[in-house]
Amino acid sequence: MNITLDQLMKIMPQARTQLAQHFLDEFNAQLPEYDIDSPLRIAAYLAQGAYESGELRELVENMYYTTPQRLQQVWPSRFPTVASALPYTKNPEKLGNFVYANRMGNGDAASGDGYRYRGRGWFNGTGKAFYQEMTNLTKHDFITSPDDMAIPQYAVLSACREWADSRLNQYADAGDFTKITKIINGGLTGLNGRLVYYLKAKKVFGIDS
């Protein structure tokens, strides 16, 4: 099924129309290639991306946090106390290099990989290993040019690959949106916000339950 601009804007009313059109073109071209082709599958895919991208307003992860309390909410294991979080407030580069160090293919904090390969794209793909995977897939050098992951073509493709690699169509078919969230997010951060988009998308596509 093809998505219309009217449908997409009903799901993401705060998105800029011109950018939404660019993404719509990519959705309609790429989603069928990954069998994201039924109302339930498309609703789940769009809902996750609408949340992750802030309705296309945050295609590059915003790591600027103004309070230590917010950092504790987002990364409770990393920042058990206000004092531990305080040095990372209003310092996105330092924060990214710390919280994403030594995982997802990144080097240590001094390497700069954590901030360099922070989340980008429709699903906020994160980590040097993911950027390398996308480089291998497309032959486009995301290691050197990581911001290119936010270009609509690659933003959608990276999310489709993540969706396919995690075999999320089966959970979409079962209506298990919580499981999809766990896999994409690594937890249940923002589940309620994601559900708002999911319910809107289901309504737009005429899904009753």
Protein backbone atom coordinates (compact mmCIF):
# COMPACT_ATOMS: atom_id res chain seq x y z
CA MET A 1 0.00 0.00 0.00
CA ASN A 2 1.11 3.54 -0.72
CA ILE A 3 1.07 6.16 2.00
CA THR A 4 -0.34 9.57 1.12
CA LEU A 5 1.00 12.91 2.29
CA ASP A 6 -2.30 13.61 4.00
CA GLN A 7 -1.98 10.39 5.99
CA LEU A 8 1.61 11.11 6.96
CA MET A 9 0.79 14.65 8.09
CA LYS A 10 -2.08 13.38 10.23
CA ILE A 11 0.40 11.14 12.03
CA MET A 12 3.08 13.85 12.25
CA PRO A 13 1.27 17.20 12.16
CA GLN A 14 4.34 19.12 13.34
CA ALA A 15 6.56 17.92 10.51
CA ARG A 16 7.53 20.40 7.81
CA THR A 17 5.51 19.55 4.71
CA GLN A 18 8.40 19.70 2.25
CA LEU A 19 10.59 17.39 4.35
CA ALA A 20 7.64 15.08 4.97
CA GLN A 21 7.18 14.81 1.19
CA HIS A 22 10.83 13.79 0.74
CA PHE A 23 10.42 11.11 3.40
CA LEU A 24 7.09 10.01 1.95
CA ASP A 25 8.74 9.37 -1.41
CA GLU A 26 11.36 7.22 0.30
CA PHE A 27 8.79 5.35 2.39
CA ASN A 28 6.75 4.43 -0.67
CA ALA A 29 9.87 3.39 -2.60
CA GLN A 30 11.68 1.47 0.13
CA LEU A 31 9.16 -0.06 2.53
CA PRO A 32 7.83 -2.60 0.00
CA GLU A 33 11.39 -3.85 -0.52
CA TYR A 34 11.40 -4.94 3.13
CA ASP A 35 7.84 -6.28 3.16
CA ILE A 36 6.68 -3.42 5.35
CA ASP A 37 3.56 -3.43 3.24
CA SER A 38 0.48 -3.96 5.41
CA PRO A 39 -1.37 -1.35 7.47
CA LEU A 40 -0.20 -2.90 10.76
CA ARG A 41 3.43 -3.08 9.70
CA ILE A 42 3.48 0.44 8.29
CA ALA A 43 1.68 1.85 11.35
CA ALA A 44 4.27 0.36 13.72
CA TYR A 45 7.20 1.44 11.54
CA LEU A 46 5.94 5.01 11.18
CA ALA A 47 5.04 5.31 14.86
CA GLN A 48 8.53 4.33 16.01
CA GLY A 49 10.19 6.72 13.58
CA ALA A 50 7.81 9.58 14.31
CA TYR A 51 8.82 9.35 17.96
CA GLU A 52 12.54 8.78 17.38
CA SER A 53 12.82 11.66 14.91
CA GLY A 54 10.57 14.07 16.80
CA GLU A 55 8.29 14.25 13.75
CA LEU A 56 11.32 14.81 11.48
CA ARG A 57 12.60 17.68 13.63
CA GLU A 58 15.40 15.68 15.31
CA LEU A 59 17.03 13.54 12.65
CA VAL A 60 20.32 13.94 14.54
CA GLU A 61 20.23 12.99 18.23
CA ASN A 62 20.08 16.04 20.45
CA MET A 63 22.44 15.46 23.36
CA TYR A 64 22.03 18.90 24.94
CA TYR A 65 20.50 18.39 28.39
CA THR A 66 19.99 21.36 30.67
CA THR A 67 19.52 19.55 34.00
CA PRO A 68 21.28 16.63 35.69
CA GLN A 69 17.90 15.26 36.73
CA ARG A 70 16.96 14.72 33.09
CA LEU A 71 20.21 12.87 32.46
CA GLN A 72 19.40 10.62 35.41
CA GLN A 73 16.03 9.82 33.87
CA VAL A 74 17.47 8.94 30.48
CA TRP A 75 20.58 7.08 31.68
CA PRO A 76 19.89 6.01 35.29
CA SER A 77 22.71 3.47 35.38
CA ARG A 78 25.23 5.96 34.03
CA PHE A 79 24.25 8.77 36.36
CA PRO A 80 23.22 7.39 39.75
CA THR A 81 23.59 10.80 41.44
CA VAL A 82 23.05 14.43 40.55
CA ALA A 83 26.75 15.06 41.15
CA SER A 84 27.74 12.40 38.63
CA ALA A 85 25.47 13.92 35.97
CA LEU A 86 26.31 17.56 36.53
CA PRO A 87 29.54 17.66 34.43
CA TYR A 88 27.62 16.40 31.40
CA THR A 89 24.78 18.93 31.40
CA LYS A 90 24.89 21.45 28.56
CA ASN A 91 27.88 19.57 27.12
CA PRO A 92 26.57 17.31 24.33
CA GLU A 93 29.95 16.22 23.00
CA LYS A 94 31.24 15.17 26.40
CA LEU A 95 27.96 13.40 27.12
CA GLY A 96 27.91 11.45 23.86
CA ASN A 97 31.51 10.39 24.21
CA PHE A 98 30.83 9.14 27.73
CA VAL A 99 27.50 7.30 27.42
CA TYR A 100 28.32 5.64 24.10
CA ALA A 101 31.97 4.80 24.80
CA ASN A 102 33.27 1.25 24.36
CA ARG A 103 30.09 -0.17 22.89
CA MET A 104 28.30 -0.46 19.55
CA GLY A 105 31.67 -0.49 17.83
CA ASN A 106 32.78 2.78 19.41
CA GLY A 107 36.18 3.41 20.95
CA ASP A 108 36.74 4.91 24.37
CA ALA A 109 35.59 8.38 25.41
CA ALA A 110 38.79 9.97 24.13
CA SER A 111 38.20 8.59 20.62
CA GLY A 112 35.23 10.89 20.07
CA ASP A 113 33.26 8.03 18.52
CA GLY A 114 30.35 8.29 20.94
CA TYR A 115 29.37 11.78 19.87
CA ARG A 116 30.48 11.37 16.26
CA TYR A 117 28.28 8.30 15.77
CA ARG A 118 25.32 9.38 17.90
CA GLY A 119 21.81 8.64 16.71
CA ARG A 120 20.77 9.75 13.25
CA GLY A 121 18.00 8.93 10.83
CA TRP A 122 14.41 7.77 11.10
CA PHE A 123 15.17 5.32 13.93
CA ASN A 124 18.19 7.19 15.32
CA GLY A 125 20.68 4.48 14.35
CA THR A 126 23.59 4.70 16.78
CA GLY A 127 27.19 3.52 17.05
CA LYS A 128 30.17 3.15 14.74
CA ALA A 129 29.33 -0.48 13.99
CA PHE A 130 25.95 0.58 12.58
CA TYR A 131 27.51 3.33 10.50
CA GLN A 132 30.01 0.80 9.18
CA GLU A 133 27.21 -1.64 8.35
CA MET A 134 25.43 1.06 6.37
CA THR A 135 28.69 1.98 4.63
CA ASN A 136 29.16 -1.65 3.60
CA LEU A 137 25.57 -1.84 2.37
CA THR A 138 25.45 1.36 0.34
CA LYS A 139 29.15 1.98 -0.46
CA HIS A 140 28.52 5.51 0.86
CA ASP A 141 31.13 6.46 3.47
CA PHE A 142 29.16 7.19 6.64
CA ILE A 143 32.28 6.72 8.76
CA THR A 144 33.76 9.86 7.23
CA SER A 145 30.43 11.64 6.71
CA PRO A 146 28.12 10.49 9.54
CA ASP A 147 25.70 13.41 9.11
CA ASP A 148 24.67 11.94 5.75
CA MET A 149 22.69 9.34 7.69
CA ALA A 150 20.05 12.05 8.18
CA ILE A 151 19.46 12.42 4.42
CA PRO A 152 15.96 11.03 3.71
CA GLN A 153 17.15 8.23 1.42
CA TYR A 154 19.59 6.89 3.99
CA ALA A 155 17.51 7.76 7.05
CA VAL A 156 14.71 5.53 5.75
CA LEU A 157 17.04 2.81 4.49
CA SER A 158 18.87 2.54 7.81
CA ALA A 159 15.55 2.11 9.63
CA CYS A 160 14.39 -0.50 7.11
CA ARG A 161 17.60 -2.45 7.61
CA GLU A 162 17.24 -2.31 11.38
CA TRP A 163 13.63 -3.43 11.04
CA ALA A 164 14.55 -6.33 8.78
CA ASP A 165 17.61 -7.40 10.78
CA SER A 166 15.47 -7.59 13.92
CA ARG A 167 12.60 -9.36 12.08
CA LEU A 168 10.08 -6.86 13.36
CA ASN A 169 7.36 -7.64 10.82
CA GLN A 170 6.35 -10.67 12.90
CA TYR A 171 5.76 -8.49 15.97
CA ALA A 172 3.94 -5.87 13.94
CA ASP A 173 1.61 -8.56 12.59
CA ALA A 174 0.92 -9.69 16.15
CA GLY A 175 0.32 -6.13 17.31
CA ASP A 176 3.16 -6.47 19.82
CA PHE A 177 4.22 -2.85 19.79
CA THR A 178 5.93 -3.12 23.18
CA LYS A 179 8.28 -5.81 21.85
CA ILE A 180 9.13 -3.64 18.83
CA THR A 181 9.90 -0.74 21.16
CA LYS A 182 12.19 -2.90 23.31
CA ILE A 183 14.18 -4.00 20.29
CA ILE A 184 14.51 -0.57 18.66
CA ASN A 185 15.09 1.36 21.87
CA GLY A 186 16.89 -1.27 23.92
CA GLY A 187 14.27 -0.65 26.60
CA LEU A 188 10.89 1.02 26.95
CA THR A 189 11.95 4.67 26.98
CA GLY A 190 9.16 6.78 25.55
CA LEU A 191 6.72 3.89 25.20
CA ASN A 192 3.69 6.06 25.96
CA GLY A 193 4.75 8.66 23.41
CA ARG A 194 5.35 5.98 20.81
CA LEU A 195 1.92 4.50 21.52
CA VAL A 196 0.28 7.86 20.79
CA TYR A 197 1.76 7.76 17.28
CA TYR A 198 0.86 4.10 16.88
CA LEU A 199 -2.78 4.72 17.74
CA LYS A 200 -2.89 7.72 15.39
CA ALA A 201 -1.35 5.68 12.57
CA LYS A 202 -3.75 2.79 13.11
CA LYS A 203 -6.68 5.20 12.97
CA VAL A 204 -5.33 6.81 9.78
CA PHE A 205 -4.97 3.41 8.13
CA GLY A 206 -8.40 2.22 9.25
CA ILE A 207 -7.22 -0.39 11.75
CA ASP A 208 -9.96 -0.88 14.32
CA SER A 209 -8.10 -2.62 17.15
